[in-house]
Protein backbone atom coordinates (compact mmCIF):
# COMPACT_ATOMS: atom_id res chain seq x y z
CA MET A 1 -0.50 35.64 22.36
CA GLU A 2 -0.67 36.66 26.37
CA ASN A 3 -3.76 34.92 28.14
CA VAL A 4 -3.59 31.83 25.58
CA THR A 5 -1.30 28.58 26.26
CA TYR A 6 -0.23 25.44 24.41
CA SER A 7 1.83 22.81 25.75
CA GLU A 8 2.61 18.76 23.95
CA PHE A 9 3.19 16.49 26.56
CA LEU A 10 3.72 12.60 25.61
CA PRO A 11 1.65 10.01 25.42
CA ASP A 12 2.58 5.83 27.45
CA PHE A 13 5.78 5.26 25.74
CA GLU A 14 4.46 2.03 24.14
CA LEU A 15 2.10 4.78 21.53
CA GLN A 16 4.84 6.61 21.10
CA ASN A 17 5.51 4.94 17.79
CA PHE A 18 1.90 6.04 16.86
CA ILE A 19 1.66 9.24 18.15
CA TYR A 20 3.50 12.04 18.43
CA CYS A 21 2.16 13.75 20.92
CA TYR A 22 -0.95 14.88 23.07
CA TRP A 23 -1.60 18.46 23.24
CA SER A 24 -3.60 21.42 24.55
CA LEU A 25 -4.61 24.92 23.54
CA LYS A 26 -6.57 26.77 26.08
CA THR A 27 -7.60 30.35 27.63
CA THR A 28 -6.01 31.11 30.97
CA GLN A 29 -9.29 34.21 30.89
CA ILE A 30 -11.63 35.19 28.48
CA LEU A 31 -9.90 37.29 25.66
CA SER A 32 -10.79 40.60 24.66
CA ASP A 33 -10.93 39.58 20.77
CA GLN A 34 -11.45 36.28 19.30
CA PHE A 35 -8.34 34.25 18.71
CA ASN A 36 -7.31 32.81 15.37
CA TYR A 37 -5.25 29.86 16.09
CA LYS A 38 -2.60 29.53 13.44
CA VAL A 39 -1.64 25.94 12.08
CA VAL A 40 1.45 25.11 9.45
CA ALA A 41 2.01 22.23 7.78
CA ASP A 42 3.90 19.27 9.95
CA GLY A 43 2.80 16.11 7.60
CA CYS A 44 0.63 14.64 10.82
CA ILE A 45 -3.14 14.21 11.04
CA ASP A 46 -4.60 14.91 14.48
CA ILE A 47 -8.20 14.92 16.57
CA PHE A 48 -9.04 17.81 18.55
CA PHE A 49 -12.03 18.80 20.88
CA ASP A 50 -13.04 21.40 23.26
CA LEU A 51 -13.18 20.40 26.60
CA ASN A 52 -16.07 22.85 27.04
CA ASN A 53 -17.90 20.76 24.49
CA PRO A 54 -16.07 17.36 24.07
CA GLN A 55 -19.32 15.68 21.92
CA ASP A 56 -17.97 18.32 18.87
CA ASN A 57 -14.83 16.28 17.82
CA PHE A 58 -12.73 16.51 14.68
CA VAL A 59 -9.94 15.16 12.44
CA MET A 60 -7.80 17.46 10.88
CA GLY A 61 -6.12 16.22 7.90
CA PHE A 62 -2.22 16.76 6.63
CA CYS A 63 -2.51 19.90 5.54
CA LYS A 64 0.36 21.25 2.39
CA LYS A 65 -0.74 25.12 3.42
CA TYR A 66 -1.05 27.45 6.53
CA THR A 67 -4.61 27.92 7.71
CA GLU A 68 -6.08 29.44 10.17
CA PHE A 69 -8.83 29.17 12.71
CA PRO A 70 -11.03 30.98 14.75
CA LEU A 71 -11.44 29.73 17.80
CA GLY A 72 -13.71 32.49 19.95
CA ARG A 73 -12.65 34.08 23.26
CA THR A 74 -12.62 31.36 25.52
CA PHE A 75 -11.58 27.72 24.62
CA ASN A 76 -10.05 24.37 26.19
CA TYR A 77 -9.05 22.46 23.30
CA ILE A 78 -7.05 18.85 23.39
CA GLY A 79 -5.65 17.35 20.70
CA VAL A 80 -3.83 14.21 19.56
CA ARG A 81 -1.22 14.21 16.67
CA PHE A 82 -0.44 11.31 14.63
CA LEU A 83 2.92 10.30 13.47
CA PRO A 84 2.66 9.93 9.53
CA THR A 85 0.67 7.25 8.23
CA MET A 86 -0.35 6.23 11.91
CA PHE A 87 -3.96 7.56 11.54
CA PRO A 88 -5.00 5.87 8.46
CA GLN A 89 -3.18 2.47 9.80
CA LEU A 90 -5.20 2.75 12.62
CA PHE A 91 -8.65 3.81 11.21
CA LYS A 92 -8.94 2.08 8.18
CA VAL A 93 -9.50 5.43 6.06
CA ASN A 94 -8.04 6.70 3.56
CA ALA A 95 -5.56 9.93 3.92
CA SER A 96 -6.30 12.19 0.95
CA GLU A 97 -10.23 12.43 1.81
CA LEU A 98 -8.66 14.55 4.79
CA SER A 99 -6.32 16.40 3.58
CA ASN A 100 -6.05 20.35 3.93
CA HIS A 101 -9.54 20.66 5.44
CA PHE A 102 -11.12 19.14 8.54
CA LYS A 103 -14.30 16.38 9.47
CA ASN A 104 -16.29 16.31 12.21
CA LEU A 105 -14.44 12.39 13.90
CA CYS A 106 -17.88 10.40 14.00
CA SER A 107 -18.02 10.33 9.79
CA VAL A 108 -14.48 9.00 10.46
CA ALA A 109 -14.15 6.85 13.05
CA PRO A 110 -17.07 6.60 14.82
CA HIS A 111 -16.23 4.41 18.15
CA THR A 112 -13.59 7.14 18.71
CA ALA A 113 -15.91 10.05 18.68
CA LYS A 114 -18.68 8.77 21.05
CA PHE A 115 -15.86 7.43 23.75
CA ILE A 116 -14.72 11.50 23.33
CA ALA A 117 -18.24 12.71 24.35
CA LYS A 118 -19.14 10.53 26.84
CA ASN A 119 -15.07 10.42 28.99
CA PHE A 120 -14.07 13.97 28.92
CA SER A 121 -15.17 17.67 30.88
CA ILE A 122 -13.90 20.94 31.52
CA GLY A 123 -12.61 19.57 34.90
CA GLN A 124 -9.68 17.49 34.05
CA ASP A 125 -6.76 18.27 34.27
CA THR A 126 -3.70 17.02 32.12
CA ASN A 127 -2.65 13.78 33.81
CA ASP A 128 -6.38 12.27 33.55
CA ILE A 129 -6.89 13.43 29.86
CA LYS A 130 -3.35 11.46 29.22
CA LEU A 131 -4.24 8.52 31.18
CA LEU A 132 -7.55 8.03 29.66
CA LEU A 133 -5.88 8.59 26.22
CA ASP A 134 -3.38 6.44 26.80
CA SER A 135 -5.48 3.26 28.31
CA TYR A 136 -8.14 3.84 24.89
CA PHE A 137 -5.75 3.91 22.13
CA THR A 138 -3.73 1.46 24.00
CA GLU A 139 -6.99 -0.60 23.45
CA HIS A 140 -7.82 -0.28 19.78
CA ILE A 141 -4.07 -0.74 18.30
CA SER A 142 -4.59 -4.11 20.50
CA LYS A 143 -7.05 -4.80 17.37
CA VAL A 144 -5.32 -3.52 14.35
CA LYS A 145 -3.65 -5.23 11.81
CA PHE A 146 -1.39 -3.31 10.23
CA ASP A 147 -0.70 -2.75 6.48
CA TYR A 148 3.08 -2.73 6.64
CA ASP A 149 4.35 -1.78 2.66
CA ASN A 150 8.24 -1.35 3.49
CA ARG A 151 8.28 -0.15 0.29
CA LEU A 152 6.08 3.65 1.99
CA TYR A 153 8.41 3.15 5.14
CA GLU A 154 11.52 3.14 3.13
CA ALA A 155 10.63 5.91 0.59
CA ILE A 156 9.67 7.87 4.08
CA ILE A 157 12.99 6.74 6.24
CA ILE A 158 15.21 7.98 3.11
CA ILE A 159 12.91 11.62 3.40
CA LEU A 160 13.55 11.80 6.87
CA LYS A 161 17.29 11.07 6.72
CA ASN A 162 17.73 13.74 3.89
CA PHE A 163 15.80 16.58 5.85
CA GLY A 164 14.14 16.47 2.43
CA VAL A 165 15.98 17.74 0.37
CA LEU A 166 16.45 15.10 -2.36
CA ASN A 167 15.21 14.33 -5.90
CA VAL A 168 12.14 12.38 -5.66
CA ASP A 169 11.87 10.99 -8.61
CA THR A 170 15.60 9.42 -8.78
CA ASP A 171 16.16 9.41 -4.98
CA LEU A 172 13.12 6.97 -3.57
CA ASN A 173 13.67 3.62 -5.44
CA THR A 174 12.52 1.56 -3.01
CA GLY A 175 11.60 -1.24 -5.62
CA ILE A 176 8.09 0.36 -6.55
CA SER A 177 6.86 2.32 -9.66
CA PRO A 178 6.54 5.98 -9.22
CA ARG A 179 2.48 5.51 -9.89
CA GLN A 180 2.50 2.51 -7.15
CA LEU A 181 4.28 5.18 -4.68
CA ARG A 182 2.25 7.83 -5.49
CA ARG A 183 -1.01 5.80 -4.49
CA LEU A 184 0.42 4.90 -0.77
CA PHE A 185 1.64 8.28 -0.22
CA GLU A 186 -1.52 9.67 -0.97
CA PHE A 187 -3.34 7.29 0.67
CA TYR A 188 -1.03 6.89 3.97
CA ILE A 189 0.27 10.70 3.93
CA GLY A 190 -2.93 12.32 2.50
CA ASP A 191 -0.41 13.58 -0.50
CA THR A 192 2.68 12.92 -2.81
CA ALA A 193 5.98 12.37 -1.59
CA LYS A 194 6.99 15.56 -3.47
CA THR A 195 4.52 17.43 -1.10
CA PHE A 196 5.93 15.53 2.08
CA SER A 197 9.24 16.11 1.26
CA GLN A 198 8.69 19.73 1.17
CA VAL A 199 7.01 20.24 4.32
CA VAL A 200 9.80 18.04 6.14
CA ARG A 201 12.21 20.72 4.77
CA PHE A 202 10.43 23.46 6.37
CA GLN A 203 10.03 22.19 8.96
CA ASN A 204 13.56 20.88 9.45
CA ILE A 205 14.27 25.13 8.87
CA LEU A 206 11.75 25.81 11.70
CA ARG A 207 14.18 23.23 13.90
CA ALA A 208 16.68 25.49 12.87
CA LYS A 209 15.43 28.84 13.66
CA PRO A 210 18.04 30.61 11.68
CA SER A 211 18.20 34.69 12.74
CA SER A 212 16.59 36.74 9.72
CA GLN A 213 20.68 38.07 9.47
CA SER A 214 22.05 34.33 8.99
CA LEU A 215 19.34 33.85 6.74
CA ARG A 216 20.32 36.50 4.44
CA GLN A 217 24.53 36.32 4.79
CA ASN A 218 24.82 32.39 4.81
CA LYS A 219 22.36 31.59 2.23
CA LEU A 220 20.01 29.42 3.92
CA PHE A 221 17.93 28.21 1.27
CA PHE A 222 20.98 26.95 -1.08
CA ASP A 223 21.66 24.46 1.96
CA VAL A 224 18.04 22.95 2.40
CA GLY A 225 17.84 22.74 -1.49
CA TYR A 226 16.26 25.22 -2.98
CA TYR A 227 17.58 26.77 -6.32
CA ASP A 228 16.53 30.63 -5.51
CA GLN A 229 15.42 33.35 -2.84
CA ALA A 230 12.06 33.61 -4.32
CA HIS A 231 11.37 30.25 -3.87
CA PHE A 232 12.39 29.74 -0.70
CA VAL A 233 9.87 32.92 0.46
CA LYS A 234 7.42 31.61 -1.49
CA GLU A 235 6.61 28.35 -0.21
CA PHE A 236 8.28 29.35 3.35
CA LYS A 237 5.19 31.63 3.16
CA ASN A 238 2.42 29.13 1.82
CA PHE A 239 3.30 26.64 4.84
CA TYR A 240 3.89 29.68 7.79
CA GLY A 241 1.17 32.50 7.06
CA VAL A 242 4.25 34.99 6.77
CA THR A 243 7.87 35.30 5.39
CA PRO A 244 10.90 33.84 7.39
CA SER A 245 12.20 37.47 7.99
CA LYS A 246 8.87 38.02 9.99
CA ALA A 247 8.77 34.75 11.40
CA PHE A 248 12.52 34.72 12.41
CA GLY A 249 12.66 38.41 13.60
CA ARG A 250 14.31 41.21 11.98
């Protein structure tokens, strides 16, 4: 959209196993109308705050559907997007309690909420913000005792290697019962292995950026594990908010 910019920037190399990226969403001048920020399902958990008012900071959980947030006519948001499982590991919270909505960060990670409120302001540029966040999370991570259950991470690797196209009931045999696996996914991801797989599949379709013509002619929905086009369109719209033809152009 005109007069609104979005950018992503990487954390320090040592943090890249925990944090996918930092991001910025801001207006370059006051908008004539309210801006609605569209969030598509990506499998991650984000911290975010407006540099105009860093005392109000939030965490957004795993989303299994497209959502919109009204942001007003002027804003300068900064976000931290954590890799799947990392936010629950770092802050010892149940990811399912955050799923499909956002909460005030002070109710989930009060120390981090205070750090943001005290250290950020409207005059800071991207490099200043990156250095502050890098320093904070490097120190925070150094104090965390991680609870690595290899069976969970093996299941996640299988899902990622298969681009989300698999049968979660038969293909995730990592030495754990389906009930235990469900519990681990809900705690560390925020939803079931099936839902996470669907989001991974959806994100891989986005990265492929198919044209509307190729969607029709090449029947992409078969290649990515859908039985028919109607199922593909319905799930895509749930995650993205519009149909594939509108998302990728006519």
